[in-house]
Amino acid sequence: MMSYSRSTILFLCLIFISSNSIIAQDSLTSETNKVVIGISETAPFVEKHNGKFRGLSIASWKLVNEELQLDYEFKEYEDLGSLLDGIEAGEVDFSINPVTVTDNRMHRMEFSQPYFISHTSVAKRSESQTLRHLKNLFSWEFFSIIGLLLLVIFIFGFLVWVFERKKNKEEFGGNLKGILQGFWWSAVTMTTVGYGDKSPRTLGGRIIGLIWMFMAVIIISSFTAGIASSLTVKGINEEINNIQDLDRFDVTTVMSSSSQELLELYNIETELVNNSMEALNKLNEEETFLVVYDEPILRYHIEQMNLENELEIIEQSLKKDYYSYAFPKNSEYRDMIDPVLVRILKSMEWASIVKDYN
């Protein structure tokens, strides 16, 4: 009986020791759990170089973590869409990627104070003013106006020929030759050159001439304005002053981006690609007319791809964007990070980092 009690006590002691060991191990494990930060390559904010991440967003987090001293690891996502899904699903504790705050995203996740102000802008192919005017000069609009002008000149020249062909044969005689002489007189009269080599002598011819003189003043002014308009109308049509103007063009943007949300809001038909570099390649190869996306990212890739002479960002931006850290709903880290991030944004060190990247 005594032996049995000692065995029981020994067994219970072993269980107690094992339990304490497991609890201690669990406690140690929980203390060494790393904060998981979701990221996706978005230069110049998040870049991967020789297996290490760098960029403006990475720099901001390092400044924040100098105070927080959190043990963390990065979890990389292939694209922005999968990153946003991962944040919403709680696969990561938060993301430091340049995620634009939008109404739709605020229903899916929470955001920190903005750490960078950007713009949604439009990239297009560069084109010199001379080349643009040459293209417009040989446009259908230009030739249609010239053709209509020649038709009016011909009509009045033909009417004068009808009246003058018999009584003024030396100037308007003959069929084809006389009609051409009438055309010449009509053109000279309209332009007010007035060579005097041809002039109607019959009453009917002079009435036509008088009518044509007054009409020509009005017509030449209208046609001059029309020709000038045809030379500039394409340039005007290609100006983009607001988002509704994009509806006239082939537009490409990045899937799951705030640019896509904006374009969908205004029912702009859009082609979607996986990233900004793919979009700019399509633009450079003339497979699309415009690319709509975040301005600093577009500018960075245009420079990195050595396309400064081929592509340009138009001056008029479509909207202002605010980049923030993104958190799953009810995250404990947002309240922890927010005040530190605000202090960092006011520091000279952060201002210097942003200046270097700009």
Protein backbone atom coordinates (compact mmCIF):
# COMPACT_ATOMS: atom_id res chain seq x y z
CA MET A 1 0.00 0.00 0.00
CA MET A 2 2.87 2.30 0.90
CA SER A 3 4.65 1.47 -2.34
CA TYR A 4 1.55 2.32 -4.32
CA SER A 5 1.25 5.75 -2.65
CA ARG A 6 4.88 6.57 -3.41
CA SER A 7 4.39 5.67 -7.07
CA THR A 8 1.29 7.82 -7.24
CA ILE A 9 3.06 10.73 -5.64
CA LEU A 10 6.01 10.33 -8.02
CA PHE A 11 3.65 10.20 -10.98
CA LEU A 12 1.85 13.33 -9.85
CA CYS A 13 5.13 15.14 -9.37
CA LEU A 14 6.23 14.26 -12.88
CA ILE A 15 2.94 15.55 -14.26
CA PHE A 16 3.31 18.76 -12.26
CA ILE A 17 6.86 19.31 -13.49
CA SER A 18 5.91 18.57 -17.09
CA SER A 19 2.96 20.95 -16.87
CA ASN A 20 5.12 23.73 -15.53
CA SER A 21 7.65 23.05 -18.28
CA ILE A 22 4.96 23.25 -20.95
CA ILE A 23 3.52 26.42 -19.45
CA ALA A 24 6.96 27.97 -19.27
CA GLN A 25 7.66 26.95 -22.85
CA ASP A 26 4.32 28.38 -24.02
CA SER A 27 5.05 31.54 -22.11
CA LEU A 28 8.46 31.79 -23.72
CA THR A 29 6.96 31.13 -27.15
CA SER A 30 4.34 33.84 -26.70
CA GLU A 31 7.01 36.28 -25.57
CA THR A 32 9.11 35.59 -28.67
CA ASN A 33 6.24 35.76 -31.16
CA LYS A 34 7.14 38.24 -33.90
CA VAL A 35 4.87 40.93 -35.27
CA VAL A 36 3.97 39.98 -38.84
CA ILE A 37 4.05 42.92 -41.25
CA GLY A 38 2.53 42.44 -44.70
CA ILE A 39 4.33 44.03 -47.64
CA SER A 40 4.31 43.94 -51.41
CA GLU A 41 6.99 45.44 -53.65
CA THR A 42 5.91 48.98 -54.55
CA ALA A 43 8.96 51.03 -55.45
CA PRO A 44 10.14 53.46 -54.25
CA PHE A 45 8.23 52.78 -51.02
CA VAL A 46 8.95 49.07 -50.69
CA GLU A 47 11.80 47.54 -52.71
CA LYS A 48 13.61 44.24 -52.42
CA HIS A 49 17.36 44.45 -52.95
CA ASN A 50 19.69 41.49 -52.39
CA GLY A 51 17.03 39.79 -50.31
CA LYS A 52 16.49 42.83 -48.06
CA PHE A 53 13.69 45.34 -48.11
CA ARG A 54 14.22 49.05 -48.37
CA GLY A 55 12.31 52.14 -49.44
CA LEU A 56 10.41 55.08 -48.00
CA SER A 57 7.82 52.95 -46.19
CA ILE A 58 10.52 50.70 -44.75
CA ALA A 59 12.40 53.78 -43.55
CA SER A 60 9.29 55.13 -41.84
CA TRP A 61 8.73 51.84 -40.02
CA LYS A 62 12.33 51.66 -38.83
CA LEU A 63 11.98 55.12 -37.31
CA VAL A 64 8.74 54.12 -35.61
CA ASN A 65 10.21 50.87 -34.31
CA GLU A 66 13.21 52.63 -32.81
CA GLU A 67 10.78 53.67 -30.10
CA LEU A 68 8.50 50.60 -30.03
CA GLN A 69 11.29 48.00 -30.17
CA LEU A 70 8.97 45.32 -31.57
CA ASP A 71 10.36 42.02 -32.84
CA TYR A 72 8.95 41.73 -36.35
CA GLU A 73 9.14 39.88 -39.63
CA PHE A 74 7.91 40.71 -43.11
CA LYS A 75 5.38 38.59 -44.94
CA GLU A 76 5.62 39.26 -48.65
CA TYR A 77 2.61 39.26 -50.98
CA GLU A 78 2.70 39.01 -54.75
CA ASP A 79 0.50 42.03 -55.48
CA LEU A 80 -1.58 44.74 -53.86
CA GLY A 81 -4.85 42.82 -54.13
CA SER A 82 -3.57 39.79 -52.22
CA LEU A 83 -1.96 42.06 -49.62
CA LEU A 84 -5.26 43.86 -48.96
CA ASP A 85 -7.07 40.53 -48.69
CA GLY A 86 -4.42 39.33 -46.23
CA ILE A 87 -4.83 42.41 -44.06
CA GLU A 88 -8.60 42.07 -44.04
CA ALA A 89 -8.38 38.37 -43.16
CA GLY A 90 -5.96 39.02 -40.29
CA GLU A 91 -3.11 37.06 -41.88
CA VAL A 92 -0.77 39.88 -40.81
CA ASP A 93 -0.76 42.25 -37.86
CA PHE A 94 -0.57 45.26 -40.16
CA SER A 95 1.01 46.54 -43.38
CA ILE A 96 3.37 49.46 -43.93
CA ASN A 97 2.84 49.50 -47.70
CA PRO A 98 1.70 52.79 -49.29
CA VAL A 99 -2.00 51.94 -49.08
CA THR A 100 -4.31 54.80 -50.08
CA VAL A 101 -7.18 55.46 -47.68
CA THR A 102 -10.53 55.12 -49.50
CA ASP A 103 -14.14 54.79 -48.38
CA ASN A 104 -14.30 51.22 -49.63
CA ARG A 105 -11.12 50.17 -47.82
CA MET A 106 -12.24 51.79 -44.57
CA HIS A 107 -15.08 49.27 -44.47
CA ARG A 108 -12.57 46.43 -44.80
CA MET A 109 -9.74 47.56 -42.50
CA GLU A 110 -8.41 50.36 -40.32
CA PHE A 111 -5.72 52.95 -41.03
CA SER A 112 -3.08 54.91 -39.21
CA GLN A 113 -2.36 58.59 -39.58
CA PRO A 114 -1.18 59.27 -43.18
CA TYR A 115 2.59 59.27 -43.52
CA PHE A 116 2.79 60.42 -47.15
CA ILE A 117 0.62 62.64 -49.37
CA SER A 118 0.47 61.62 -53.02
CA HIS A 119 -1.71 62.20 -56.08
CA THR A 120 -3.47 60.03 -58.62
CA SER A 121 -2.09 61.21 -61.95
CA VAL A 122 -2.11 60.35 -65.64
CA ALA A 123 0.87 59.21 -67.71
CA LYS A 124 0.87 59.51 -71.49
CA ARG A 125 3.30 59.29 -74.37
CA SER A 126 5.41 62.39 -74.95
CA GLU A 127 4.88 64.25 -78.19
CA SER A 128 6.56 67.42 -79.47
CA GLN A 129 4.40 70.40 -80.40
CA THR A 130 5.80 70.39 -83.94
CA LEU A 131 4.90 66.75 -84.51
CA ARG A 132 1.45 67.29 -83.02
CA HIS A 133 0.75 70.23 -85.39
CA LEU A 134 1.99 68.25 -88.38
CA LYS A 135 -0.32 65.38 -87.49
CA ASN A 136 -3.22 67.79 -87.11
CA LEU A 137 -2.33 69.49 -90.40
CA PHE A 138 -2.81 66.21 -92.24
CA SER A 139 -5.94 65.30 -90.31
CA TRP A 140 -9.32 64.54 -91.83
CA GLU A 141 -10.82 67.66 -90.21
CA PHE A 142 -8.29 69.93 -91.91
CA PHE A 143 -8.76 68.43 -95.38
CA SER A 144 -12.56 68.45 -95.06
CA ILE A 145 -12.54 72.19 -94.36
CA ILE A 146 -10.21 72.85 -97.29
CA GLY A 147 -12.41 70.71 -99.54
CA LEU A 148 -15.55 72.60 -98.52
CA LEU A 149 -13.84 75.92 -99.17
CA LEU A 150 -12.77 74.83 -102.66
CA LEU A 151 -16.32 73.70 -103.37
CA VAL A 152 -17.76 77.15 -102.51
CA ILE A 153 -15.10 78.86 -104.65
CA PHE A 154 -15.95 76.54 -107.54
CA ILE A 155 -19.71 77.22 -107.24
CA PHE A 156 -19.33 80.99 -107.55
CA GLY A 157 -16.73 80.64 -110.31
CA PHE A 158 -19.11 78.36 -112.19
CA LEU A 159 -22.02 80.83 -111.82
CA VAL A 160 -19.90 83.67 -113.24
CA TRP A 161 -18.85 81.45 -116.13
CA VAL A 162 -22.53 80.69 -116.91
CA PHE A 163 -23.23 84.41 -117.38
CA GLU A 164 -19.92 85.39 -119.01
CA ARG A 165 -19.11 82.48 -121.33
CA LYS A 166 -20.90 83.96 -124.38
CA LYS A 167 -20.47 87.73 -123.96
CA ASN A 168 -16.99 87.63 -122.44
CA LYS A 169 -15.34 84.82 -124.36
CA GLU A 170 -11.84 86.22 -124.19
CA GLU A 171 -11.83 85.93 -120.40
CA PHE A 172 -14.35 83.14 -119.69
CA GLY A 173 -14.74 81.47 -123.05
CA GLY A 174 -14.69 77.73 -123.63
CA ASN A 175 -16.07 74.93 -121.50
CA LEU A 176 -13.37 73.44 -119.31
CA LYS A 177 -11.03 76.37 -119.82
CA GLY A 178 -13.80 78.86 -119.07
CA ILE A 179 -14.83 77.02 -115.89
CA LEU A 180 -11.20 77.03 -114.71
CA GLN A 181 -11.01 80.76 -115.46
CA GLY A 182 -14.14 81.27 -113.39
CA PHE A 183 -12.61 79.28 -110.54
CA TRP A 184 -9.49 81.45 -110.74
CA TRP A 185 -11.56 84.65 -110.64
CA SER A 186 -13.58 83.37 -107.68
CA ALA A 187 -10.44 82.48 -105.70
CA VAL A 188 -8.76 85.83 -106.45
CA THR A 189 -11.91 87.74 -105.49
CA MET A 190 -12.36 85.82 -102.23
CA THR A 191 -8.78 86.48 -101.13
CA THR A 192 -9.12 90.17 -102.12
CA VAL A 193 -5.93 89.92 -104.17
CA GLY A 194 -7.66 91.59 -107.12
CA TYR A 195 -5.27 91.03 -110.04
CA GLY A 196 -7.82 92.52 -112.44
CA ASP A 197 -7.02 90.01 -115.19
CA LYS A 198 -10.56 88.59 -114.97
CA SER A 199 -13.73 90.58 -114.33
CA PRO A 200 -17.41 89.99 -115.12
CA ARG A 201 -18.99 92.33 -117.68
CA THR A 202 -22.57 91.14 -117.88
CA LEU A 203 -25.26 92.27 -115.42
CA GLY A 204 -25.77 88.72 -114.13
CA GLY A 205 -22.04 88.16 -113.76
CA ARG A 206 -21.59 91.40 -111.84
CA ILE A 207 -24.49 90.61 -109.49
CA ILE A 208 -22.88 87.25 -108.77
CA GLY A 209 -19.57 89.03 -108.28
CA LEU A 210 -21.13 91.55 -105.87
CA ILE A 211 -22.80 88.81 -103.83
CA TRP A 212 -19.57 86.82 -103.77
CA MET A 213 -17.53 89.82 -102.58
CA PHE A 214 -19.73 90.32 -99.51
CA MET A 215 -20.06 86.61 -98.82
CA ALA A 216 -16.34 86.04 -99.23
CA VAL A 217 -15.55 88.43 -96.37
CA ILE A 218 -17.71 86.34 -94.03
CA ILE A 219 -16.70 82.98 -95.49
CA ILE A 220 -12.97 83.61 -95.45
CA SER A 221 -13.18 84.62 -91.77
CA SER A 222 -15.21 81.52 -90.91
CA PHE A 223 -13.00 79.17 -92.86
CA THR A 224 -9.83 80.71 -91.42
CA ALA A 225 -11.19 80.09 -87.95
CA GLY A 226 -12.19 76.58 -88.99
CA ILE A 227 -8.73 75.79 -90.33
CA ALA A 228 -7.07 77.15 -87.20
CA SER A 229 -9.48 75.10 -85.11
CA SER A 230 -8.70 71.94 -87.03
CA LEU A 231 -5.00 72.43 -86.31
CA THR A 232 -5.59 72.65 -82.56
CA VAL A 233 -8.75 70.63 -81.95
CA LYS A 234 -6.87 67.39 -81.33
CA GLY A 235 -4.59 69.08 -78.85
CA ILE A 236 -7.63 70.47 -77.06
CA ASN A 237 -9.41 67.13 -77.11
CA GLU A 238 -6.37 65.46 -75.59
CA GLU A 239 -6.28 67.89 -72.67
CA ILE A 240 -7.44 66.27 -69.45
CA ASN A 241 -8.90 68.67 -66.93
CA ASN A 242 -11.07 66.27 -64.94
CA ILE A 243 -11.73 62.57 -64.66
CA GLN A 244 -14.69 62.64 -67.06
CA ASP A 245 -12.26 63.58 -69.86
CA LEU A 246 -10.69 60.12 -69.57
CA ASP A 247 -13.78 58.56 -71.12
CA ARG A 248 -12.48 59.48 -74.60
CA PHE A 249 -9.32 57.39 -74.29
CA ASP A 250 -8.03 53.87 -73.72
CA VAL A 251 -7.10 53.82 -70.04
CA THR A 252 -5.02 51.32 -68.08
CA THR A 253 -4.53 51.09 -64.31
CA VAL A 254 -3.35 48.65 -61.65
CA MET A 255 -5.73 46.02 -60.32
CA SER A 256 -7.12 46.55 -56.78
CA SER A 257 -5.63 50.06 -56.62
CA SER A 258 -7.40 53.21 -55.48
CA SER A 259 -7.12 54.35 -59.11
CA GLN A 260 -9.33 51.44 -60.14
CA GLU A 261 -11.89 52.43 -57.51
CA LEU A 262 -11.86 56.01 -58.80
CA LEU A 263 -12.30 55.01 -62.44
CA GLU A 264 -15.08 52.58 -61.60
CA LEU A 265 -16.85 55.29 -59.61
CA TYR A 266 -17.07 57.40 -62.78
CA ASN A 267 -17.79 54.41 -65.05
CA ILE A 268 -14.55 54.86 -67.02
CA GLU A 269 -13.83 51.74 -69.04
CA THR A 270 -10.43 50.52 -67.90
CA GLU A 271 -7.92 47.78 -68.67
CA LEU A 272 -6.41 46.26 -65.54
CA VAL A 273 -2.82 45.02 -65.12
CA ASN A 274 -0.88 43.55 -62.18
CA ASN A 275 1.54 46.42 -61.53
CA SER A 276 2.64 49.87 -62.66
CA MET A 277 5.63 48.63 -64.68
CA GLU A 278 3.35 46.45 -66.80
CA ALA A 279 1.07 49.44 -67.34
CA LEU A 280 3.95 51.70 -68.40
CA ASN A 281 5.27 49.05 -70.78
CA LYS A 282 1.86 48.91 -72.46
CA LEU A 283 1.87 52.69 -72.72
CA ASN A 284 5.37 52.78 -74.20
CA GLU A 285 4.44 50.10 -76.74
CA GLU A 286 1.28 52.10 -77.68
CA GLU A 287 -1.04 49.34 -76.49
CA THR A 288 -2.90 51.90 -74.37
CA PHE A 289 -3.28 55.67 -74.53
CA LEU A 290 -3.20 56.62 -70.83
CA VAL A 291 -2.08 55.11 -67.54
CA VAL A 292 -3.80 56.26 -64.34
CA TYR A 293 -2.00 55.48 -61.08
CA ASP A 294 -0.09 56.96 -58.14
CA GLU A 295 2.17 59.76 -59.31
CA PRO A 296 5.35 59.06 -57.25
CA ILE A 297 5.30 55.40 -58.28
CA LEU A 298 4.80 56.28 -61.96
CA ARG A 299 7.59 58.86 -61.88
CA TYR A 300 9.98 56.44 -60.19
CA HIS A 301 9.41 53.65 -62.73
CA ILE A 302 9.59 56.02 -65.72
CA GLU A 303 13.02 57.09 -64.48
CA GLN A 304 14.17 53.56 -63.69
CA MET A 305 13.04 52.32 -67.10
CA ASN A 306 14.81 55.27 -68.84
CA LEU A 307 11.58 56.39 -70.50
CA GLU A 308 11.76 60.11 -69.63
CA ASN A 309 11.85 61.05 -73.33
CA GLU A 310 9.01 58.71 -74.28
CA LEU A 311 6.55 59.09 -71.40
CA GLU A 312 5.40 62.01 -69.28
CA ILE A 313 3.03 62.78 -66.39
CA ILE A 314 0.43 65.44 -67.16
CA GLU A 315 0.33 68.42 -64.79
CA GLN A 316 -3.33 68.07 -63.84
CA SER A 317 -3.79 65.40 -61.14
CA LEU A 318 -7.10 63.61 -60.62
CA LYS A 319 -7.18 63.45 -56.81
CA LYS A 320 -5.07 63.69 -53.67
CA ASP A 321 -4.08 60.44 -51.94
CA TYR A 322 -3.06 59.70 -48.35
CA TYR A 323 -0.76 56.74 -47.71
CA SER A 324 -1.21 55.05 -44.32
CA TYR A 325 -0.35 51.87 -42.48
CA ALA A 326 -3.25 49.40 -42.79
CA PHE A 327 -4.53 47.21 -39.95
CA PRO A 328 -7.14 44.46 -39.60
CA LYS A 329 -10.33 45.57 -37.87
CA ASN A 330 -10.00 46.08 -34.08
CA SER A 331 -6.22 45.82 -34.20
CA GLU A 332 -4.37 46.56 -30.97
CA TYR A 333 -1.38 47.83 -32.95
CA ARG A 334 -3.03 50.89 -34.45
CA ASP A 335 -3.37 52.72 -31.13
CA MET A 336 0.18 51.68 -30.30
CA ILE A 337 1.71 52.90 -33.58
CA ASP A 338 -0.35 56.03 -34.30
CA PRO A 339 1.12 58.44 -31.71
CA VAL A 340 4.66 57.31 -32.50
CA LEU A 341 4.08 57.74 -36.23
CA VAL A 342 2.74 61.27 -35.70
CA ARG A 343 5.87 62.22 -33.76
CA ILE A 344 8.11 60.71 -36.44
CA LEU A 345 6.37 62.70 -39.20
CA LYS A 346 7.25 65.93 -37.40
CA SER A 347 10.92 65.05 -37.07
CA MET A 348 13.73 66.53 -39.14
CA GLU A 349 15.01 63.03 -39.84
CA TRP A 350 11.79 62.05 -41.63
CA ALA A 351 11.78 65.33 -43.60
CA SER A 352 15.34 64.59 -44.73
CA ILE A 353 14.40 61.04 -45.82
CA VAL A 354 11.42 62.27 -47.84
CA LYS A 355 13.57 64.98 -49.45
CA ASP A 356 16.14 62.38 -50.52
CA TYR A 357 13.49 60.19 -52.08
CA ASN A 358 11.89 63.11 -53.90
